[in-house]
Amino acid sequence: MKFLENPTQTMAAGFALTVVLIGLYLGMTGIGAGEADWGQIILRWIHFLAGITWIGLLYFFNLINAAFLKSLDGPTKNIVIPKLMPMALNWFRHGATVTVIAGVLLYGAMYHRGGTGAVAVAIGGLLGIIMLGNVHGIIWPNQKKIIAAVTAAAQGTPAPPEMAQWGRTALLASRVNFMLSIPMLFFMGAGSHFR
């Protein structure tokens, strides 16, 4: 079970397990591999995986990390922020991008004929696109400046006076995304239940 000590190996094992379970499912149900729309299935799976990564980190940043970072003294922040935030924000912003791209492609493939479910998913999708804009247009640019300033401060460079404003701007954009995620998730989940 050494692979569980490495997240990349654990993820690879998860993908391998998925393939095995798909084979078992097809064998147990008698569904032929050609009877499923694998493009849509894989696209929806990618959308879910990336979305869980993105929204999970959004909730982590808003419910845990913001208060945690506020509680740290300056020297501790100089250690924690450069080690934690680049990696977390990398997964966050790429998760956001993959989620929206997969969602747009999936929407085009599944809902091109319209209907009430399509309208619900479109509302959720529009909120997701606004959130993606916040990630790449506001949150990441400000966090990037903060990470650079904190890294420089750890080496003796004084923190720039604008750093507090960068943090506030990123926090407020993140809080907007946190707020928007609630109706976004409702409409995404409810879309297939509206008739």
N, C-alpha and C. Protein backbone atom coordinates (compact mmCIF):
# COMPACT_ATOMS: atom_id res chain seq x y z
N MET A 1 0.81 -1.20 0.00
CA MET A 1 0.00 0.00 0.00
C MET A 1 0.85 1.26 0.00
N LYS A 2 2.10 1.13 -0.43
CA LYS A 2 3.01 2.27 -0.46
C LYS A 2 2.50 3.38 -1.37
N PHE A 3 1.73 3.02 -2.41
CA PHE A 3 1.21 4.02 -3.35
C PHE A 3 0.32 5.05 -2.66
N LEU A 4 -0.25 4.71 -1.50
CA LEU A 4 -1.11 5.65 -0.77
C LEU A 4 -0.32 6.78 -0.14
N GLU A 5 0.99 6.65 -0.07
CA GLU A 5 1.82 7.71 0.50
C GLU A 5 2.11 8.81 -0.51
N ASN A 6 1.83 8.58 -1.78
CA ASN A 6 2.11 9.54 -2.84
C ASN A 6 0.79 9.92 -3.52
N PRO A 7 0.39 11.21 -3.51
CA PRO A 7 -0.91 11.57 -4.08
C PRO A 7 -1.03 11.27 -5.58
N THR A 8 0.06 11.40 -6.33
CA THR A 8 0.01 11.11 -7.76
C THR A 8 -0.24 9.63 -7.99
N GLN A 9 0.45 8.78 -7.22
CA GLN A 9 0.24 7.34 -7.35
C GLN A 9 -1.16 6.94 -6.87
N THR A 10 -1.64 7.62 -5.84
CA THR A 10 -3.00 7.34 -5.35
C THR A 10 -4.02 7.70 -6.41
N MET A 11 -3.82 8.85 -7.08
CA MET A 11 -4.72 9.26 -8.14
C MET A 11 -4.69 8.26 -9.30
N ALA A 12 -3.50 7.81 -9.67
CA ALA A 12 -3.38 6.81 -10.74
C ALA A 12 -4.10 5.52 -10.36
N ALA A 13 -3.98 5.13 -9.10
CA ALA A 13 -4.68 3.93 -8.62
C ALA A 13 -6.19 4.14 -8.69
N GLY A 14 -6.65 5.35 -8.40
CA GLY A 14 -8.08 5.66 -8.50
C GLY A 14 -8.58 5.53 -9.93
N PHE A 15 -7.79 6.01 -10.90
CA PHE A 15 -8.17 5.87 -12.31
C PHE A 15 -8.18 4.39 -12.73
N ALA A 16 -7.17 3.64 -12.29
CA ALA A 16 -7.11 2.21 -12.62
C ALA A 16 -8.31 1.47 -12.01
N LEU A 17 -8.63 1.79 -10.77
CA LEU A 17 -9.78 1.17 -10.12
C LEU A 17 -11.08 1.50 -10.87
N THR A 18 -11.18 2.72 -11.36
CA THR A 18 -12.36 3.11 -12.14
C THR A 18 -12.51 2.24 -13.38
N VAL A 19 -11.41 2.02 -14.09
CA VAL A 19 -11.46 1.18 -15.30
C VAL A 19 -11.91 -0.24 -14.96
N VAL A 20 -11.36 -0.79 -13.88
CA VAL A 20 -11.74 -2.14 -13.45
C VAL A 20 -13.23 -2.18 -13.10
N LEU A 21 -13.70 -1.19 -12.35
CA LEU A 21 -15.10 -1.17 -11.94
C LEU A 21 -16.04 -0.96 -13.12
N ILE A 22 -15.62 -0.17 -14.12
CA ILE A 22 -16.42 -0.02 -15.34
C ILE A 22 -16.57 -1.37 -16.02
N GLY A 23 -15.47 -2.12 -16.13
CA GLY A 23 -15.53 -3.45 -16.72
C GLY A 23 -16.47 -4.37 -15.97
N LEU A 24 -16.40 -4.34 -14.63
CA LEU A 24 -17.31 -5.16 -13.82
C LEU A 24 -18.76 -4.72 -14.03
N TYR A 25 -18.99 -3.43 -14.05
CA TYR A 25 -20.34 -2.90 -14.25
C TYR A 25 -20.92 -3.36 -15.58
N LEU A 26 -20.13 -3.22 -16.64
CA LEU A 26 -20.59 -3.64 -17.96
C LEU A 26 -20.88 -5.14 -17.99
N GLY A 27 -20.03 -5.93 -17.34
CA GLY A 27 -20.24 -7.37 -17.28
C GLY A 27 -21.47 -7.74 -16.48
N MET A 28 -21.71 -7.07 -15.37
CA MET A 28 -22.85 -7.38 -14.50
C MET A 28 -24.18 -6.95 -15.11
N THR A 29 -24.18 -5.85 -15.84
CA THR A 29 -25.44 -5.31 -16.37
C THR A 29 -25.74 -5.82 -17.76
N GLY A 30 -24.74 -6.36 -18.45
CA GLY A 30 -24.95 -6.82 -19.81
C GLY A 30 -24.97 -5.70 -20.83
N ILE A 31 -24.66 -4.50 -20.38
CA ILE A 31 -24.60 -3.37 -21.31
C ILE A 31 -23.32 -3.51 -22.12
N GLY A 32 -23.43 -3.40 -23.42
CA GLY A 32 -22.24 -3.46 -24.26
C GLY A 32 -21.50 -2.14 -24.23
N ALA A 33 -20.21 -2.19 -24.39
CA ALA A 33 -19.40 -0.96 -24.37
C ALA A 33 -19.86 0.03 -25.43
N GLY A 34 -20.41 -0.47 -26.54
CA GLY A 34 -20.88 0.40 -27.61
C GLY A 34 -22.26 1.00 -27.35
N GLU A 35 -22.92 0.57 -26.27
CA GLU A 35 -24.26 1.07 -25.97
C GLU A 35 -24.25 2.33 -25.12
N ALA A 36 -23.11 2.77 -24.69
CA ALA A 36 -23.02 3.96 -23.84
C ALA A 36 -22.41 5.10 -24.64
N ASP A 37 -22.78 6.32 -24.29
CA ASP A 37 -22.19 7.50 -24.91
C ASP A 37 -20.95 7.87 -24.09
N TRP A 38 -19.84 7.22 -24.41
CA TRP A 38 -18.62 7.36 -23.61
C TRP A 38 -18.07 8.77 -23.62
N GLY A 39 -18.26 9.49 -24.71
CA GLY A 39 -17.79 10.88 -24.75
C GLY A 39 -18.45 11.71 -23.68
N GLN A 40 -19.77 11.62 -23.58
CA GLN A 40 -20.49 12.38 -22.56
C GLN A 40 -20.20 11.87 -21.15
N ILE A 41 -20.06 10.56 -21.02
CA ILE A 41 -19.77 10.00 -19.70
C ILE A 41 -18.41 10.50 -19.20
N ILE A 42 -17.40 10.42 -20.04
CA ILE A 42 -16.05 10.85 -19.64
C ILE A 42 -16.02 12.36 -19.40
N LEU A 43 -16.71 13.12 -20.25
CA LEU A 43 -16.76 14.57 -20.08
C LEU A 43 -17.42 14.95 -18.75
N ARG A 44 -18.52 14.29 -18.43
CA ARG A 44 -19.21 14.57 -17.16
C ARG A 44 -18.31 14.19 -15.99
N TRP A 45 -17.59 13.08 -16.09
CA TRP A 45 -16.68 12.63 -15.04
C TRP A 45 -15.57 13.66 -14.83
N ILE A 46 -14.99 14.13 -15.93
CA ILE A 46 -13.95 15.17 -15.84
C ILE A 46 -14.52 16.42 -15.19
N HIS A 47 -15.73 16.80 -15.60
CA HIS A 47 -16.40 17.98 -15.04
C HIS A 47 -16.58 17.82 -13.53
N PHE A 48 -17.02 16.65 -13.09
CA PHE A 48 -17.19 16.39 -11.65
C PHE A 48 -15.86 16.43 -10.90
N LEU A 49 -14.86 15.71 -11.42
CA LEU A 49 -13.56 15.66 -10.73
C LEU A 49 -12.95 17.05 -10.60
N ALA A 50 -12.92 17.78 -11.71
CA ALA A 50 -12.34 19.13 -11.67
C ALA A 50 -13.17 20.06 -10.80
N GLY A 51 -14.50 19.92 -10.88
CA GLY A 51 -15.38 20.76 -10.08
C GLY A 51 -15.23 20.53 -8.59
N ILE A 52 -15.08 19.27 -8.20
CA ILE A 52 -14.87 18.97 -6.78
C ILE A 52 -13.54 19.55 -6.32
N THR A 53 -12.52 19.47 -7.16
CA THR A 53 -11.22 20.06 -6.82
C THR A 53 -11.35 21.56 -6.63
N TRP A 54 -11.98 22.22 -7.61
CA TRP A 54 -12.14 23.68 -7.57
C TRP A 54 -12.98 24.12 -6.38
N ILE A 55 -14.18 23.60 -6.27
CA ILE A 55 -15.10 24.06 -5.23
C ILE A 55 -14.62 23.61 -3.85
N GLY A 56 -14.01 22.44 -3.77
CA GLY A 56 -13.44 22.01 -2.50
C GLY A 56 -12.38 22.97 -1.99
N LEU A 57 -11.51 23.41 -2.90
CA LEU A 57 -10.49 24.38 -2.50
C LEU A 57 -11.11 25.75 -2.21
N LEU A 58 -12.14 26.14 -2.96
CA LEU A 58 -12.84 27.40 -2.68
C LEU A 58 -13.39 27.39 -1.26
N TYR A 59 -14.01 26.28 -0.86
CA TYR A 59 -14.55 26.18 0.49
C TYR A 59 -13.43 26.13 1.53
N PHE A 60 -12.34 25.44 1.22
CA PHE A 60 -11.18 25.43 2.12
C PHE A 60 -10.65 26.85 2.33
N PHE A 61 -10.47 27.59 1.24
CA PHE A 61 -9.94 28.96 1.36
C PHE A 61 -10.87 29.83 2.20
N ASN A 62 -12.17 29.71 2.01
CA ASN A 62 -13.12 30.59 2.68
C ASN A 62 -13.47 30.16 4.10
N LEU A 63 -13.57 28.87 4.34
CA LEU A 63 -14.01 28.41 5.66
C LEU A 63 -12.86 28.12 6.62
N ILE A 64 -11.67 27.86 6.09
CA ILE A 64 -10.56 27.46 6.96
C ILE A 64 -9.35 28.36 6.79
N ASN A 65 -8.86 28.48 5.57
CA ASN A 65 -7.57 29.11 5.34
C ASN A 65 -7.54 30.60 5.68
N ALA A 66 -8.59 31.35 5.34
CA ALA A 66 -8.59 32.80 5.60
C ALA A 66 -8.42 33.08 7.09
N ALA A 67 -9.20 32.39 7.92
CA ALA A 67 -9.09 32.59 9.38
C ALA A 67 -7.75 32.09 9.91
N PHE A 68 -7.28 30.97 9.36
CA PHE A 68 -6.00 30.42 9.80
C PHE A 68 -4.86 31.41 9.51
N LEU A 69 -4.81 31.95 8.29
CA LEU A 69 -3.74 32.88 7.95
C LEU A 69 -3.80 34.15 8.79
N LYS A 70 -5.01 34.61 9.11
CA LYS A 70 -5.15 35.79 9.97
C LYS A 70 -4.56 35.55 11.35
N SER A 71 -4.61 34.32 11.82
CA SER A 71 -4.14 34.00 13.17
C SER A 71 -2.62 33.90 13.26
N LEU A 72 -1.94 33.85 12.12
CA LEU A 72 -0.48 33.67 12.13
C LEU A 72 0.24 35.00 12.30
N ASP A 73 1.40 34.95 12.96
CA ASP A 73 2.24 36.14 13.02
C ASP A 73 3.02 36.27 11.71
N GLY A 74 3.63 37.43 11.50
CA GLY A 74 4.33 37.72 10.25
C GLY A 74 5.38 36.70 9.85
N PRO A 75 6.32 36.35 10.75
CA PRO A 75 7.35 35.38 10.37
C PRO A 75 6.78 34.01 9.99
N THR A 76 5.71 33.60 10.67
CA THR A 76 5.10 32.31 10.33
C THR A 76 4.42 32.38 8.97
N LYS A 77 3.75 33.50 8.69
CA LYS A 77 3.13 33.69 7.37
C LYS A 77 4.18 33.61 6.27
N ASN A 78 5.37 34.17 6.55
CA ASN A 78 6.45 34.14 5.55
C ASN A 78 6.90 32.72 5.23
N ILE A 79 6.64 31.79 6.12
CA ILE A 79 6.98 30.39 5.87
C ILE A 79 5.80 29.67 5.21
N VAL A 80 4.60 29.88 5.76
CA VAL A 80 3.42 29.12 5.32
C VAL A 80 2.96 29.52 3.92
N ILE A 81 2.81 30.82 3.67
CA ILE A 81 2.22 31.27 2.40
C ILE A 81 3.01 30.80 1.18
N PRO A 82 4.35 30.98 1.13
CA PRO A 82 5.06 30.54 -0.07
C PRO A 82 5.04 29.02 -0.28
N LYS A 83 4.84 28.26 0.79
CA LYS A 83 4.82 26.80 0.64
C LYS A 83 3.42 26.28 0.31
N LEU A 84 2.40 26.86 0.90
CA LEU A 84 1.03 26.36 0.74
C LEU A 84 0.31 26.96 -0.46
N MET A 85 0.35 28.27 -0.58
CA MET A 85 -0.55 28.94 -1.52
C MET A 85 -0.24 28.69 -3.00
N PRO A 86 1.01 28.67 -3.45
CA PRO A 86 1.21 28.41 -4.88
C PRO A 86 0.64 27.06 -5.33
N MET A 87 0.86 26.02 -4.53
CA MET A 87 0.37 24.70 -4.90
C MET A 87 -1.16 24.66 -4.84
N ALA A 88 -1.73 25.20 -3.76
CA ALA A 88 -3.19 25.20 -3.61
C ALA A 88 -3.85 26.02 -4.70
N LEU A 89 -3.29 27.19 -5.01
CA LEU A 89 -3.87 28.04 -6.05
C LEU A 89 -3.67 27.46 -7.44
N ASN A 90 -2.62 26.69 -7.64
CA ASN A 90 -2.41 26.01 -8.92
C ASN A 90 -3.55 25.01 -9.17
N TRP A 91 -3.83 24.16 -8.19
CA TRP A 91 -4.94 23.21 -8.32
C TRP A 91 -6.27 23.96 -8.43
N PHE A 92 -6.41 25.04 -7.69
CA PHE A 92 -7.64 25.84 -7.67
C PHE A 92 -7.95 26.42 -9.05
N ARG A 93 -6.98 27.13 -9.62
CA ARG A 93 -7.27 27.81 -10.89
C ARG A 93 -7.36 26.84 -12.05
N HIS A 94 -6.54 25.80 -12.05
CA HIS A 94 -6.64 24.82 -13.14
C HIS A 94 -7.91 23.97 -12.99
N GLY A 95 -8.30 23.68 -11.77
CA GLY A 95 -9.57 22.99 -11.54
C GLY A 95 -10.74 23.82 -12.06
N ALA A 96 -10.69 25.14 -11.83
CA ALA A 96 -11.73 26.04 -12.33
C ALA A 96 -11.79 26.01 -13.85
N THR A 97 -10.64 26.11 -14.49
CA THR A 97 -10.59 26.14 -15.95
C THR A 97 -11.11 24.84 -16.56
N VAL A 98 -10.63 23.72 -16.06
CA VAL A 98 -11.06 22.42 -16.61
C VAL A 98 -12.56 22.21 -16.35
N THR A 99 -13.04 22.62 -15.18
CA THR A 99 -14.47 22.48 -14.88
C THR A 99 -15.32 23.22 -15.89
N VAL A 100 -14.97 24.48 -16.16
CA VAL A 100 -15.78 25.29 -17.06
C VAL A 100 -15.67 24.78 -18.50
N ILE A 101 -14.47 24.45 -18.95
CA ILE A 101 -14.32 23.95 -20.32
C ILE A 101 -15.11 22.65 -20.50
N ALA A 102 -14.95 21.71 -19.57
CA ALA A 102 -15.70 20.45 -19.66
C ALA A 102 -17.20 20.70 -19.58
N GLY A 103 -17.60 21.64 -18.73
CA GLY A 103 -19.02 21.96 -18.59
C GLY A 103 -19.62 22.54 -19.85
N VAL A 104 -18.89 23.45 -20.49
CA VAL A 104 -19.38 24.05 -21.74
C VAL A 104 -19.49 22.98 -22.83
N LEU A 105 -18.49 22.14 -22.94
CA LEU A 105 -18.54 21.05 -23.94
C LEU A 105 -19.69 20.08 -23.64
N LEU A 106 -19.86 19.75 -22.39
CA LEU A 106 -20.93 18.84 -21.99
C LEU A 106 -22.30 19.47 -22.26
N TYR A 107 -22.43 20.74 -21.95
CA TYR A 107 -23.69 21.44 -22.20
C TYR A 107 -24.03 21.40 -23.69
N GLY A 108 -23.04 21.68 -24.53
CA GLY A 108 -23.26 21.65 -25.97
C GLY A 108 -23.66 20.27 -26.46
N ALA A 109 -23.10 19.24 -25.86
CA ALA A 109 -23.40 17.86 -26.28
C ALA A 109 -24.75 17.38 -25.77
N MET A 110 -25.14 17.81 -24.58
CA MET A 110 -26.33 17.24 -23.95
C MET A 110 -27.58 18.10 -24.05
N TYR A 111 -27.43 19.40 -24.05
CA TYR A 111 -28.60 20.27 -23.89
C TYR A 111 -28.86 21.15 -25.11
N HIS A 112 -28.31 20.79 -26.26
CA HIS A 112 -28.46 21.63 -27.44
C HIS A 112 -29.91 21.77 -27.89
N ARG A 113 -30.80 20.89 -27.45
CA ARG A 113 -32.21 20.97 -27.83
C ARG A 113 -33.03 21.80 -26.84
N GLY A 114 -32.44 22.28 -25.77
CA GLY A 114 -33.16 23.13 -24.82
C GLY A 114 -33.92 22.34 -23.78
N GLY A 115 -34.99 22.94 -23.27
CA GLY A 115 -35.79 22.33 -22.21
C GLY A 115 -35.51 22.99 -20.88
N THR A 116 -36.37 22.71 -19.89
CA THR A 116 -36.22 23.37 -18.59
C THR A 116 -34.94 22.94 -17.88
N GLY A 117 -34.53 21.69 -18.06
CA GLY A 117 -33.26 21.25 -17.47
C GLY A 117 -32.09 22.01 -18.04
N ALA A 118 -32.16 22.28 -19.36
CA ALA A 118 -31.09 23.03 -20.01
C ALA A 118 -31.01 24.45 -19.47
N VAL A 119 -32.17 25.05 -19.18
CA VAL A 119 -32.18 26.41 -18.63
C VAL A 119 -31.53 26.41 -17.25
N ALA A 120 -31.88 25.43 -16.42
CA ALA A 120 -31.29 25.34 -15.08
C ALA A 120 -29.78 25.18 -15.15
N VAL A 121 -29.31 24.29 -16.02
CA VAL A 121 -27.87 24.08 -16.17
C VAL A 121 -27.21 25.33 -16.74
N ALA A 122 -27.89 26.04 -17.63
CA ALA A 122 -27.33 27.28 -18.19
C ALA A 122 -27.16 28.34 -17.10
N ILE A 123 -28.12 28.43 -16.18
CA ILE A 123 -27.98 29.38 -15.06
C ILE A 123 -26.76 29.01 -14.22
N GLY A 124 -26.64 27.74 -13.87
CA GLY A 124 -25.47 27.29 -13.12
C GLY A 124 -24.18 27.52 -13.88
N GLY A 125 -24.21 27.26 -15.19
CA GLY A 125 -23.03 27.47 -16.02
C GLY A 125 -22.62 28.92 -16.09
N LEU A 126 -23.60 29.82 -16.21
CA LEU A 126 -23.29 31.25 -16.24
C LEU A 126 -22.63 31.68 -14.93
N LEU A 127 -23.15 31.20 -13.82
CA LEU A 127 -22.52 31.51 -12.53
C LEU A 127 -21.10 30.96 -12.47
N GLY A 128 -20.90 29.75 -13.00
CA GLY A 128 -19.56 29.16 -13.05
C GLY A 128 -18.59 29.97 -13.90
N ILE A 129 -19.08 30.50 -15.02
CA ILE A 129 -18.23 31.33 -15.88
C ILE A 129 -17.85 32.63 -15.19
N ILE A 130 -18.81 33.24 -14.46
CA ILE A 130 -18.50 34.44 -13.68
C ILE A 130 -17.43 34.11 -12.63
N MET A 131 -17.59 32.98 -11.97
CA MET A 131 -16.63 32.55 -10.95
C MET A 131 -15.25 32.33 -11.56
N LEU A 132 -15.20 31.72 -12.75
CA LEU A 132 -13.92 31.52 -13.44
C LEU A 132 -13.26 32.86 -13.74
N GLY A 133 -14.06 33.84 -14.16
CA GLY A 133 -13.52 35.18 -14.39
C GLY A 133 -12.91 35.77 -13.14
N ASN A 134 -13.56 35.57 -11.99
CA ASN A 134 -13.00 36.03 -10.72
C ASN A 134 -11.69 35.33 -10.40
N VAL A 135 -11.62 34.03 -10.66
CA VAL A 135 -10.40 33.27 -10.37
C VAL A 135 -9.23 33.83 -11.15
N HIS A 136 -9.39 33.93 -12.48
CA HIS A 136 -8.26 34.33 -13.33
C HIS A 136 -8.08 35.84 -13.43
N GLY A 137 -9.15 36.61 -13.21
CA GLY A 137 -9.04 38.06 -13.36
C GLY A 137 -8.75 38.81 -12.08
N ILE A 138 -9.13 38.25 -10.93
CA ILE A 138 -8.97 38.98 -9.66
C ILE A 138 -8.18 38.17 -8.63
N ILE A 139 -8.66 36.97 -8.32
CA ILE A 139 -8.06 36.21 -7.21
C ILE A 139 -6.61 35.85 -7.50
N TRP A 140 -6.35 35.17 -8.61
CA TRP A 140 -5.00 34.72 -8.91
C TRP A 140 -4.02 35.88 -9.10
N PRO A 141 -4.34 36.94 -9.87
CA PRO A 141 -3.36 38.03 -10.00
C PRO A 141 -2.99 38.66 -8.65
N ASN A 142 -3.96 38.84 -7.76
CA ASN A 142 -3.66 39.42 -6.46
C ASN A 142 -2.90 38.45 -5.57
N GLN A 143 -3.28 37.18 -5.59
CA GLN A 143 -2.55 36.19 -4.79
C GLN A 143 -1.11 36.03 -5.27
N LYS A 144 -0.92 36.12 -6.58
CA LYS A 144 0.43 36.01 -7.13
C LYS A 144 1.32 37.14 -6.58
N LYS A 145 0.77 38.35 -6.51
CA LYS A 145 1.54 39.48 -5.96
C LYS A 145 1.82 39.28 -4.47
N ILE A 146 0.84 38.74 -3.75
CA ILE A 146 1.02 38.49 -2.32
C ILE A 146 2.11 37.45 -2.09
N ILE A 147 2.05 36.36 -2.85
CA ILE A 147 3.06 35.30 -2.71
C ILE A 147 4.45 35.85 -2.98
N ALA A 148 4.59 36.66 -4.03
CA ALA A 148 5.90 37.25 -4.35
C ALA A 148 6.36 38.18 -3.24
N ALA A 149 5.45 39.00 -2.71
CA ALA A 149 5.81 39.94 -1.64
C ALA A 149 6.19 39.21 -0.36
N VAL A 150 5.46 38.17 -0.02
CA VAL A 150 5.76 37.41 1.20
C VAL A 150 7.08 36.66 1.05
N THR A 151 7.33 36.13 -0.13
CA THR A 151 8.60 35.44 -0.39
C THR A 151 9.76 36.43 -0.25
N ALA A 152 9.58 37.63 -0.80
CA ALA A 152 10.62 38.67 -0.68
C ALA A 152 10.78 39.11 0.77
N ALA A 153 9.67 39.22 1.51
CA ALA A 153 9.74 39.63 2.92
C ALA A 153 10.51 38.61 3.76
N ALA A 154 10.39 37.34 3.40
CA ALA A 154 11.12 36.30 4.12
C ALA A 154 12.63 36.47 3.95
N GLN A 155 13.03 37.18 2.88
CA GLN A 155 14.45 37.42 2.62
C GLN A 155 14.86 38.84 3.01
N GLY A 156 13.97 39.53 3.76
CA GLY A 156 14.34 40.83 4.30
C GLY A 156 13.77 42.04 3.59
N THR A 157 13.10 41.87 2.48
CA THR A 157 12.51 43.01 1.77
C THR A 157 11.22 43.42 2.49
N PRO A 158 11.04 44.71 2.76
CA PRO A 158 9.80 45.13 3.43
C PRO A 158 8.57 44.84 2.56
N ALA A 159 7.48 44.50 3.22
CA ALA A 159 6.23 44.24 2.50
C ALA A 159 5.72 45.54 1.89
N PRO A 160 5.26 45.51 0.65
CA PRO A 160 4.74 46.73 0.03
C PRO A 160 3.43 47.16 0.71
N PRO A 161 3.18 48.46 0.78
CA PRO A 161 1.97 48.93 1.45
C PRO A 161 0.68 48.45 0.77
N GLU A 162 0.75 48.13 -0.51
CA GLU A 162 -0.44 47.68 -1.25
C GLU A 162 -0.83 46.24 -0.91
N MET A 163 0.02 45.53 -0.20
CA MET A 163 -0.22 44.11 0.03
C MET A 163 -1.55 43.87 0.76
N ALA A 164 -1.90 44.69 1.72
CA ALA A 164 -3.16 44.51 2.43
C ALA A 164 -4.35 44.66 1.48
N GLN A 165 -4.25 45.61 0.55
CA GLN A 165 -5.33 45.79 -0.42
C GLN A 165 -5.42 44.61 -1.38
N TRP A 166 -4.28 44.07 -1.79
CA TRP A 166 -4.29 42.88 -2.66
C TRP A 166 -5.02 41.74 -1.95
N GLY A 167 -4.70 41.56 -0.67
CA GLY A 167 -5.33 40.49 0.10
C GLY A 167 -6.83 40.70 0.23
N ARG A 168 -7.23 41.94 0.51
CA ARG A 168 -8.67 42.24 0.64
C ARG A 168 -9.40 42.01 -0.67
N THR A 169 -8.80 42.46 -1.77
CA THR A 169 -9.43 42.29 -3.08
C THR A 169 -9.60 40.81 -3.41
N ALA A 170 -8.54 40.02 -3.18
CA ALA A 170 -8.61 38.58 -3.44
C ALA A 170 -9.64 37.92 -2.53
N LEU A 171 -9.67 38.32 -1.26
CA LEU A 171 -10.63 37.74 -0.32
C LEU A 171 -12.06 38.03 -0.74
N LEU A 172 -12.35 39.28 -1.10
CA LEU A 172 -13.72 39.64 -1.48
C LEU A 172 -14.15 38.91 -2.75
N ALA A 173 -13.25 38.78 -3.72
CA ALA A 173 -13.58 38.03 -4.94
C ALA A 173 -13.82 36.56 -4.61
N SER A 174 -13.03 36.03 -3.70
CA SER A 174 -13.21 34.64 -3.27
C SER A 174 -14.54 34.48 -2.54
N ARG A 175 -14.91 35.46 -1.73
CA ARG A 175 -16.20 35.40 -1.02
C ARG A 175 -17.37 35.50 -2.00
N VAL A 176 -17.22 36.31 -3.05
CA VAL A 176 -18.26 36.36 -4.09
C VAL A 176 -18.40 34.98 -4.72
N ASN A 177 -17.27 34.34 -5.04
CA ASN A 177 -17.33 32.99 -5.62
C ASN A 177 -17.95 31.99 -4.65
N PHE A 178 -17.63 32.12 -3.38
CA PHE A 178 -18.21 31.25 -2.35
C PHE A 178 -19.73 31.40 -2.35
N MET A 179 -20.20 32.65 -2.39
CA MET A 179 -21.63 32.93 -2.42
C MET A 179 -22.27 32.38 -3.70
N LEU A 180 -21.64 32.65 -4.86
CA LEU A 180 -22.20 32.20 -6.14
C LEU A 180 -22.20 30.68 -6.26
N SER A 181 -21.27 30.02 -5.57
CA SER A 181 -21.21 28.55 -5.68
C SER A 181 -22.47 27.88 -5.15
N ILE A 182 -23.14 28.52 -4.21
CA ILE A 182 -24.32 27.89 -3.60
C ILE A 182 -25.47 27.78 -4.61
N PRO A 183 -25.90 28.89 -5.28
CA PRO A 183 -26.92 28.71 -6.32
C PRO A 183 -26.40 27.95 -7.53
N MET A 184 -25.11 28.12 -7.85
CA MET A 184 -24.54 27.40 -9.00
C MET A 184 -24.70 25.89 -8.79
N LEU A 185 -24.34 25.39 -7.61
CA LEU A 185 -24.45 23.96 -7.34
C LEU A 185 -25.91 23.50 -7.34
N PHE A 186 -26.81 24.35 -6.84
CA PHE A 186 -28.23 23.99 -6.88
C PHE A 186 -28.70 23.79 -8.32
N PHE A 187 -28.44 24.77 -9.18
CA PHE A 187 -28.93 24.68 -10.55
C PHE A 187 -28.24 23.57 -11.35
N MET A 188 -26.98 23.34 -11.09
CA MET A 188 -26.29 22.23 -11.77
C MET A 188 -26.89 20.89 -11.34
N GLY A 189 -27.13 20.73 -10.05
CA GLY A 189 -27.68 19.48 -9.55
C GLY A 189 -29.15 19.29 -9.89
N ALA A 190 -29.90 20.38 -9.92
CA ALA A 190 -31.35 20.29 -10.15
C ALA A 190 -31.70 20.16 -11.63
N GLY A 191 -30.77 20.50 -12.51
CA GLY A 191 -31.07 20.53 -13.94
C GLY A 191 -31.71 19.27 -14.48
N SER A 192 -31.22 18.12 -14.06
CA SER A 192 -31.77 16.86 -14.59
C SER A 192 -33.10 16.49 -13.93
N HIS A 193 -33.50 17.21 -12.89
CA HIS A 193 -34.75 16.90 -12.20
C HIS A 193 -35.91 17.78 -12.64
N PHE A 194 -35.60 18.88 -13.35
CA PHE A 194 -36.67 19.72 -13.89
C PHE A 194 -37.19 19.08 -15.17
N ARG A 195 -38.48 19.00 -15.33
CA ARG A 195 -39.06 18.40 -16.55
C ARG A 195 -39.86 19.42 -17.30
